[in-house]
Amino acid sequence: MFFAEDRMLVPPNSVRIILDQWTNLKDMDAYVPLYNRFKLCFGYLNNGHKGKLHDIFAYNGLVCSR
């Protein structure tokens, strides 16, 4: 994620945003493992995603290779 932020593939402070969202979900009793939140973001990075606030263009690079 930090590489993606540095290369401007994802919005700035994406890691902080993910952590804040995870905390808010936990507080609302809608717990999702943090790993799943990051996995979702890596999927967006790999396949692309049109969001309400930001668009993430598909990178399809070695960052998400299995």
C-alpha atoms as a PDB file:
ATOM      1  CA  MET A   1       0.000   0.000   0.000  1.00  0.00           C
ATOM      2  CA  PHE A   2       2.796   2.405   0.777  1.00  0.00           C
ATOM      3  CA  PHE A   3       4.329   1.751  -2.660  1.00  0.00           C
ATOM      4  CA  ALA A   4       0.941   2.418  -4.254  1.00  0.00           C
ATOM      5  CA  GLU A   5       0.586   5.661  -2.290  1.00  0.00           C
ATOM      6  CA  ASP A   6       4.090   6.778  -3.287  1.00  0.00           C
ATOM      7  CA  ARG A   7       3.341   6.058  -6.956  1.00  0.00           C
ATOM      8  CA  MET A   8      -0.044   7.820  -6.638  1.00  0.00           C
ATOM      9  CA  LEU A   9      -1.886   4.649  -7.641  1.00  0.00           C
ATOM     10  CA  VAL A  10      -4.204   5.112  -4.659  1.00  0.00           C
ATOM     11  CA  PRO A  11      -5.262   8.320  -2.895  1.00  0.00           C
ATOM     12  CA  PRO A  12      -2.852   9.831  -0.350  1.00  0.00           C
ATOM     13  CA  ASN A  13      -3.169   8.499   3.204  1.00  0.00           C
ATOM     14  CA  SER A  14      -5.061   5.408   2.029  1.00  0.00           C
ATOM     15  CA  VAL A  15      -3.612   3.327   4.850  1.00  0.00           C
ATOM     16  CA  ARG A  16      -4.861   5.839   7.418  1.00  0.00           C
ATOM     17  CA  ILE A  17      -8.286   5.882   5.737  1.00  0.00           C
ATOM     18  CA  ILE A  18      -8.486   2.076   5.826  1.00  0.00           C
ATOM     19  CA  LEU A  19      -7.543   2.033   9.508  1.00  0.00           C
ATOM     20  CA  ASP A  20     -10.103   4.740  10.336  1.00  0.00           C
ATOM     21  CA  GLN A  21     -12.847   2.904   8.432  1.00  0.00           C
ATOM     22  CA  TRP A  22     -11.940  -0.350  10.194  1.00  0.00           C
ATOM     23  CA  THR A  23     -12.138   1.378  13.587  1.00  0.00           C
ATOM     24  CA  ASN A  24     -15.507   2.911  12.712  1.00  0.00           C
ATOM     25  CA  LEU A  25     -16.875  -0.462  11.594  1.00  0.00           C
ATOM     26  CA  LYS A  26     -15.646  -2.029  14.816  1.00  0.00           C
ATOM     27  CA  ASP A  27     -17.327   0.732  16.844  1.00  0.00           C
ATOM     28  CA  MET A  28     -20.596   0.175  14.942  1.00  0.00           C
ATOM     29  CA  ASP A  29     -20.416  -3.536  15.817  1.00  0.00           C
ATOM     30  CA  ALA A  30     -19.885  -4.424  12.136  1.00  0.00           C
ATOM     31  CA  TYR A  31     -16.482  -6.005  12.667  1.00  0.00           C
ATOM     32  CA  VAL A  32     -14.494  -7.065   9.615  1.00  0.00           C
ATOM     33  CA  PRO A  33     -10.918  -8.324  10.004  1.00  0.00           C
ATOM     34  CA  LEU A  34      -8.362  -5.675   9.100  1.00  0.00           C
ATOM     35  CA  TYR A  35      -6.724  -8.152   6.725  1.00  0.00           C
ATOM     36  CA  ASN A  36      -9.970  -8.292   4.715  1.00  0.00           C
ATOM     37  CA  ARG A  37     -10.068  -4.504   4.448  1.00  0.00           C
ATOM     38  CA  PHE A  38      -6.545  -4.439   3.007  1.00  0.00           C
ATOM     39  CA  LYS A  39      -7.314  -7.402   0.742  1.00  0.00           C
ATOM     40  CA  LEU A  40     -10.273  -5.462  -0.636  1.00  0.00           C
ATOM     41  CA  CYS A  41      -8.065  -2.466  -1.368  1.00  0.00           C
ATOM     42  CA  PHE A  42      -5.467  -4.643  -3.107  1.00  0.00           C
ATOM     43  CA  GLY A  43      -8.277  -6.065  -5.224  1.00  0.00           C
ATOM     44  CA  TYR A  44      -9.252  -2.526  -6.200  1.00  0.00           C
ATOM     45  CA  LEU A  45      -5.648  -1.811  -7.071  1.00  0.00           C
ATOM     46  CA  ASN A  46      -5.428  -4.941  -9.192  1.00  0.00           C
ATOM     47  CA  ASN A  47      -8.785  -4.643 -10.994  1.00  0.00           C
ATOM     48  CA  GLY A  48      -9.650  -0.945 -10.685  1.00  0.00           C
ATOM     49  CA  HIS A  49     -12.543   0.650  -8.806  1.00  0.00           C
ATOM     50  CA  LYS A  50     -14.841   3.627  -9.297  1.00  0.00           C
ATOM     51  CA  GLY A  51     -15.703   4.997  -5.876  1.00  0.00           C
ATOM     52  CA  LYS A  52     -17.730   7.928  -4.604  1.00  0.00           C
ATOM     53  CA  LEU A  53     -14.637   9.897  -3.559  1.00  0.00           C
ATOM     54  CA  HIS A  54     -11.787   8.363  -5.565  1.00  0.00           C
ATOM     55  CA  ASP A  55     -11.172   6.261  -8.633  1.00  0.00           C
ATOM     56  CA  ILE A  56      -8.467   3.627  -8.515  1.00  0.00           C
ATOM     57  CA  PHE A  57      -7.191   2.616 -11.914  1.00  0.00           C
ATOM     58  CA  ALA A  58      -6.206  -1.006 -12.484  1.00  0.00           C
ATOM     59  CA  TYR A  59      -2.487  -1.434 -12.043  1.00  0.00           C
ATOM     60  CA  ASN A  60      -2.199  -5.173 -12.783  1.00  0.00           C
ATOM     61  CA  GLY A  61       1.443  -5.092 -11.762  1.00  0.00           C
ATOM     62  CA  LEU A  62       3.577  -7.302  -9.567  1.00  0.00           C
ATOM     63  CA  VAL A  63       2.222  -5.574  -6.456  1.00  0.00           C
ATOM     64  CA  CYS A  64      -0.783  -7.902  -6.438  1.00  0.00           C
ATOM     65  CA  SER A  65       0.693 -11.025  -8.011  1.00  0.00           C
ATOM     66  CA  ARG A  66       0.058 -14.306  -6.276  1.00  0.00           C
END
